[in-house]
Amino acid sequence: MNKIIAALVAATFSMGAFAQAASAPAPAKEAKPAAAKAEKKAKAKKAKAAKKAASAS
């Protein structure tokens, strides 16, 4: 009898913990594609090199 009561108490606590943790996750922001990020980085690098070349002249 004690084992049954212990199992019921444990089940009650575990269900309570599950009910609290079962919320839906927040929607994530859309991530920019890696290609667009790399293109932007290359563009900035090219602009920096052009600025450096213009100031050296």
N, C-alpha and C. Protein backbone atom coordinates (compact mmCIF):
# COMPACT_ATOMS: atom_id res chain seq x y z
N MET A 1 0.83 -1.20 0.00
CA MET A 1 0.00 0.00 0.00
C MET A 1 0.88 1.26 0.00
N ASN A 2 1.96 1.23 0.77
CA ASN A 2 2.84 2.39 0.83
C ASN A 2 3.48 2.69 -0.53
N LYS A 3 3.79 1.62 -1.28
CA LYS A 3 4.40 1.81 -2.61
C LYS A 3 3.42 2.49 -3.56
N ILE A 4 2.16 2.14 -3.48
CA ILE A 4 1.14 2.75 -4.35
C ILE A 4 0.99 4.23 -4.02
N ILE A 5 0.93 4.56 -2.75
CA ILE A 5 0.80 5.96 -2.32
C ILE A 5 2.04 6.75 -2.76
N ALA A 6 3.22 6.17 -2.60
CA ALA A 6 4.45 6.85 -3.01
C ALA A 6 4.46 7.08 -4.52
N ALA A 7 3.98 6.11 -5.28
CA ALA A 7 3.93 6.25 -6.73
C ALA A 7 2.93 7.33 -7.14
N LEU A 8 1.79 7.40 -6.47
CA LEU A 8 0.80 8.44 -6.77
C LEU A 8 1.32 9.84 -6.44
N VAL A 9 2.01 9.98 -5.33
CA VAL A 9 2.58 11.28 -4.94
C VAL A 9 3.64 11.70 -5.96
N ALA A 10 4.51 10.76 -6.34
CA ALA A 10 5.55 11.08 -7.32
C ALA A 10 4.93 11.46 -8.67
N ALA A 11 3.88 10.75 -9.08
CA ALA A 11 3.21 11.06 -10.34
C ALA A 11 2.57 12.44 -10.29
N THR A 12 1.99 12.79 -9.15
CA THR A 12 1.37 14.11 -9.00
C THR A 12 2.40 15.23 -9.16
N PHE A 13 3.55 15.07 -8.51
CA PHE A 13 4.59 16.09 -8.62
C PHE A 13 5.14 16.17 -10.04
N SER A 14 5.32 15.02 -10.68
CA SER A 14 5.88 15.05 -12.03
C SER A 14 4.89 15.66 -13.03
N MET A 15 3.60 15.42 -12.85
CA MET A 15 2.60 16.03 -13.73
C MET A 15 2.54 17.54 -13.52
N GLY A 16 2.71 17.97 -12.30
CA GLY A 16 2.72 19.42 -12.04
C GLY A 16 3.91 20.08 -12.70
N ALA A 17 5.05 19.45 -12.65
CA ALA A 17 6.25 20.01 -13.29
C ALA A 17 6.09 20.01 -14.80
N PHE A 18 5.50 18.95 -15.34
CA PHE A 18 5.29 18.88 -16.79
C PHE A 18 4.32 19.95 -17.25
N ALA A 19 3.27 20.20 -16.50
CA ALA A 19 2.27 21.21 -16.87
C ALA A 19 2.88 22.61 -16.88
N GLN A 20 3.82 22.87 -15.99
CA GLN A 20 4.45 24.18 -15.96
C GLN A 20 5.43 24.36 -17.11
N ALA A 21 6.09 23.31 -17.54
CA ALA A 21 7.13 23.41 -18.55
C ALA A 21 6.59 23.22 -19.97
N ALA A 22 5.31 22.99 -20.15
CA ALA A 22 4.78 22.67 -21.47
C ALA A 22 4.28 23.89 -22.23
N SER A 23 4.81 25.06 -21.98
CA SER A 23 4.38 26.24 -22.72
C SER A 23 5.02 26.26 -24.10
N ALA A 24 4.38 26.90 -25.03
CA ALA A 24 4.89 26.98 -26.41
C ALA A 24 6.08 27.94 -26.45
N PRO A 25 7.11 27.61 -27.20
CA PRO A 25 8.26 28.52 -27.30
C PRO A 25 7.91 29.77 -28.11
N ALA A 26 8.59 30.84 -27.80
CA ALA A 26 8.35 32.09 -28.52
C ALA A 26 8.87 31.96 -29.95
N PRO A 27 8.17 32.55 -30.92
CA PRO A 27 8.63 32.45 -32.30
C PRO A 27 9.96 33.18 -32.48
N ALA A 28 10.87 32.54 -33.17
CA ALA A 28 12.19 33.12 -33.39
C ALA A 28 12.13 34.13 -34.53
N LYS A 29 13.01 35.11 -34.47
CA LYS A 29 13.10 36.08 -35.55
C LYS A 29 13.68 35.39 -36.77
N GLU A 30 13.30 35.89 -37.95
CA GLU A 30 13.83 35.31 -39.18
C GLU A 30 15.31 35.60 -39.28
N ALA A 31 16.06 34.56 -39.49
CA ALA A 31 17.50 34.71 -39.61
C ALA A 31 17.86 35.06 -41.05
N LYS A 32 18.84 35.93 -41.21
CA LYS A 32 19.28 36.28 -42.55
C LYS A 32 20.08 35.11 -43.12
N PRO A 33 19.92 34.85 -44.39
CA PRO A 33 20.70 33.77 -44.99
C PRO A 33 22.20 34.06 -44.92
N ALA A 34 22.99 33.02 -44.82
CA ALA A 34 24.43 33.17 -44.69
C ALA A 34 25.01 33.84 -45.94
N ALA A 35 24.44 33.57 -47.10
CA ALA A 35 24.94 34.15 -48.34
C ALA A 35 24.79 35.67 -48.33
N ALA A 36 23.66 36.16 -47.85
CA ALA A 36 23.44 37.60 -47.80
C ALA A 36 24.40 38.25 -46.81
N LYS A 37 24.65 37.57 -45.72
CA LYS A 37 25.58 38.09 -44.72
C LYS A 37 27.00 38.16 -45.28
N ALA A 38 27.40 37.11 -45.99
CA ALA A 38 28.74 37.08 -46.58
C ALA A 38 28.88 38.14 -47.66
N GLU A 39 27.81 38.36 -48.43
CA GLU A 39 27.84 39.37 -49.49
C GLU A 39 27.98 40.77 -48.88
N LYS A 40 27.28 41.01 -47.80
CA LYS A 40 27.36 42.32 -47.14
C LYS A 40 28.77 42.55 -46.59
N LYS A 41 29.35 41.49 -46.02
CA LYS A 41 30.69 41.60 -45.47
C LYS A 41 31.72 41.86 -46.58
N ALA A 42 31.56 41.19 -47.71
CA ALA A 42 32.48 41.39 -48.84
C ALA A 42 32.36 42.81 -49.38
N LYS A 43 31.13 43.31 -49.44
CA LYS A 43 30.90 44.67 -49.93
C LYS A 43 31.58 45.70 -49.03
N ALA A 44 31.47 45.49 -47.72
CA ALA A 44 32.09 46.41 -46.76
C ALA A 44 33.61 46.35 -46.88
N LYS A 45 34.16 45.16 -47.08
CA LYS A 45 35.60 45.00 -47.22
C LYS A 45 36.10 45.70 -48.49
N LYS A 46 35.32 45.57 -49.56
CA LYS A 46 35.68 46.19 -50.84
C LYS A 46 35.64 47.72 -50.71
N ALA A 47 34.63 48.24 -50.03
CA ALA A 47 34.51 49.68 -49.83
C ALA A 47 35.66 50.20 -48.97
N LYS A 48 36.05 49.44 -47.98
CA LYS A 48 37.16 49.85 -47.11
C LYS A 48 38.47 49.90 -47.91
N ALA A 49 38.67 48.89 -48.77
CA ALA A 49 39.88 48.85 -49.58
C ALA A 49 39.90 50.01 -50.56
N ALA A 50 38.76 50.36 -51.14
CA ALA A 50 38.68 51.46 -52.09
C ALA A 50 38.97 52.79 -51.37
N LYS A 51 38.45 52.91 -50.15
CA LYS A 51 38.69 54.15 -49.38
C LYS A 51 40.16 54.28 -49.03
N LYS A 52 40.79 53.17 -48.67
CA LYS A 52 42.20 53.18 -48.33
C LYS A 52 43.06 53.53 -49.54
N ALA A 53 42.68 52.98 -50.70
CA ALA A 53 43.42 53.25 -51.94
C ALA A 53 43.26 54.72 -52.34
N ALA A 54 42.09 55.28 -52.12
CA ALA A 54 41.85 56.69 -52.48
C ALA A 54 42.62 57.62 -51.57
N SER A 55 42.75 57.26 -50.31
CA SER A 55 43.48 58.14 -49.39
C SER A 55 44.99 58.00 -49.58
N ALA A 56 45.45 56.89 -50.11
CA ALA A 56 46.89 56.69 -50.33
C ALA A 56 47.37 57.46 -51.57
N SER A 57 46.46 57.74 -52.49
CA SER A 57 46.84 58.41 -53.74
C SER A 57 47.15 59.87 -53.55
